[in-house]
Amino acid sequence: HRRPGSGHHACTSCHGDPAVEGSNRVGPWLGDLAERGDGIVEGYAAADYAYESILNPNAHIAEQCPTGPCNSPSGMPGNFSARIREPQAMIDLLTFILGDNLETSGVEINYVPR
C-alpha cells in the first residue's frame, strides 16, 4: 500500500518526505505546514491553504524553495481536481501532509480549473 504523496500524484518527488526535513528537491518542504500553515493567508487554516494550493497551485506561491525563491507561475501541475476524483483521496492526501490538523476556518475556496 503506497503512502498518499508517493503514488501517482508524486508529491514527495518535489516536496520531499514530510517526515524528513530538507528532503524536498524542487518545491517547498511541507513537513511543518500543519504548524506554520495557519495564517499564511489571512483567515485561512492550514487545511484551507493546503487544499486550495493543491487545486490551484498559483493561488499562493511559497516564498522559498530549495534553490531560492519559488517560481511564479508554479511548476506544480494544476490538474489535481481531475486526478483526485474521490473525496477520500483528497482527505488522505491532506492527512499525509498535515497529520491530524484538518480543521478548516470555514473560508470559501472558489476553484476554477485552468
Protein backbone atom coordinates (compact mmCIF):
# COMPACT_ATOMS: atom_id res chain seq x y z
CA HIS A 1 0.00 0.00 0.00
CA ARG A 2 1.51 3.31 -1.08
CA ARG A 3 1.56 6.43 1.02
CA PRO A 4 -0.72 9.12 -0.47
CA GLY A 5 2.02 11.54 -1.52
CA SER A 6 4.29 8.93 -3.06
CA GLY A 7 1.90 7.35 -5.55
CA HIS A 8 0.78 8.64 -8.92
CA HIS A 9 0.44 12.18 -7.56
CA ALA A 10 4.19 12.09 -6.77
CA CYS A 11 4.10 14.92 -4.20
CA THR A 12 7.25 13.66 -2.50
CA SER A 13 9.33 13.84 -5.68
CA CYS A 14 9.26 17.65 -5.46
CA HIS A 15 8.17 18.44 -1.88
CA GLY A 16 10.11 15.63 -0.17
CA ASP A 17 9.03 13.39 2.66
CA PRO A 18 7.08 15.35 5.28
CA ALA A 19 8.90 13.33 7.96
CA VAL A 20 12.38 14.29 6.66
CA GLU A 21 13.23 17.99 6.76
CA GLY A 22 15.34 19.08 3.80
CA SER A 23 14.25 16.16 1.60
CA ASN A 24 12.49 18.50 -0.85
CA ARG A 25 14.16 18.95 -4.23
CA VAL A 26 12.05 21.49 -6.11
CA GLY A 27 9.04 22.73 -4.16
CA PRO A 28 8.77 23.90 -0.57
CA TRP A 29 9.04 21.25 2.16
CA LEU A 30 5.62 20.56 3.65
CA GLY A 31 6.58 18.73 6.84
CA ASP A 32 5.91 21.74 9.06
CA LEU A 33 2.85 23.03 7.19
CA ALA A 34 0.49 21.83 9.93
CA GLU A 35 2.26 24.17 12.40
CA ARG A 36 3.02 27.14 10.16
CA GLY A 37 0.08 26.91 7.75
CA ASP A 38 -2.49 28.71 9.91
CA GLY A 39 -2.42 32.33 8.85
CA ILE A 40 -0.06 32.09 5.84
CA VAL A 41 -3.08 33.53 4.07
CA GLU A 42 -5.17 35.73 6.34
CA GLY A 43 -8.28 33.92 7.50
CA TYR A 44 -7.10 30.52 6.27
CA ALA A 45 -6.35 27.48 8.40
CA ALA A 46 -3.50 25.19 7.31
CA ALA A 47 -6.01 22.77 5.78
CA ASP A 48 -7.62 25.56 3.72
CA TYR A 49 -4.22 26.71 2.48
CA ALA A 50 -3.12 23.17 1.55
CA TYR A 51 -6.44 22.32 -0.12
CA GLU A 52 -6.51 25.46 -2.25
CA SER A 53 -2.81 25.11 -3.10
CA ILE A 54 -3.35 21.55 -4.34
CA LEU A 55 -6.31 22.54 -6.51
CA ASN A 56 -4.82 25.82 -7.70
CA PRO A 57 -1.02 25.89 -7.31
CA ASN A 58 -0.86 29.51 -8.45
CA ALA A 59 -3.24 30.77 -5.76
CA HIS A 60 -0.42 31.13 -3.23
CA ILE A 61 3.23 30.90 -4.27
CA ALA A 62 5.53 29.99 -1.39
CA GLU A 63 8.41 32.40 -0.83
CA GLN A 64 11.29 29.94 -0.64
CA CYS A 65 12.11 26.71 -2.47
CA PRO A 66 15.32 24.67 -2.09
CA THR A 67 17.16 26.57 -4.83
CA GLY A 68 15.93 30.06 -3.91
CA PRO A 69 12.67 31.95 -4.45
CA CYS A 70 9.82 29.78 -5.74
CA ASN A 71 8.74 30.33 -9.33
CA SER A 72 5.61 32.14 -10.36
CA PRO A 73 3.70 30.67 -12.06
CA SER A 74 4.08 27.47 -10.09
CA GLY A 75 5.65 24.43 -11.69
CA MET A 76 3.17 22.22 -9.84
CA PRO A 77 0.56 20.58 -12.10
CA GLY A 78 -2.79 22.32 -11.96
CA ASN A 79 -4.93 19.31 -12.81
CA PHE A 80 -5.35 17.65 -9.43
CA SER A 81 -9.13 18.18 -9.41
CA ALA A 82 -9.25 15.79 -12.36
CA ARG A 83 -6.66 13.42 -10.88
CA ILE A 84 -8.07 13.27 -7.33
CA ARG A 85 -11.65 12.29 -8.03
CA GLU A 86 -12.71 10.75 -4.73
CA PRO A 87 -13.19 12.98 -1.66
CA GLN A 88 -11.45 10.33 0.48
CA ALA A 89 -8.35 10.56 -1.73
CA MET A 90 -8.12 14.31 -1.01
CA ILE A 91 -8.65 13.67 2.71
CA ASP A 92 -5.89 11.05 2.63
CA LEU A 93 -3.54 13.46 0.85
CA LEU A 94 -4.27 16.30 3.30
CA THR A 95 -3.74 13.89 6.21
CA PHE A 96 -0.40 12.83 4.70
CA ILE A 97 0.67 16.49 4.57
CA LEU A 98 -0.96 17.85 7.73
CA GLY A 99 -1.42 14.88 10.04
CA ASP A 100 -4.41 15.43 12.29
CA ASN A 101 -4.56 19.20 11.68
CA LEU A 102 -7.52 19.11 9.27
CA GLU A 103 -9.58 21.80 10.96
CA THR A 104 -10.75 24.41 8.48
CA SER A 105 -11.59 28.06 9.02
CA GLY A 106 -14.79 27.93 7.01
CA VAL A 107 -13.36 30.21 4.32
CA GLU A 108 -14.98 29.65 0.94
CA ILE A 109 -12.49 28.36 -1.61
CA ASN A 110 -13.51 29.07 -5.17
CA TYR A 111 -11.77 26.75 -7.59
CA VAL A 112 -11.65 27.47 -11.30
CA PRO A 113 -9.70 24.82 -13.24
CA ARG A 114 -7.06 26.13 -15.57
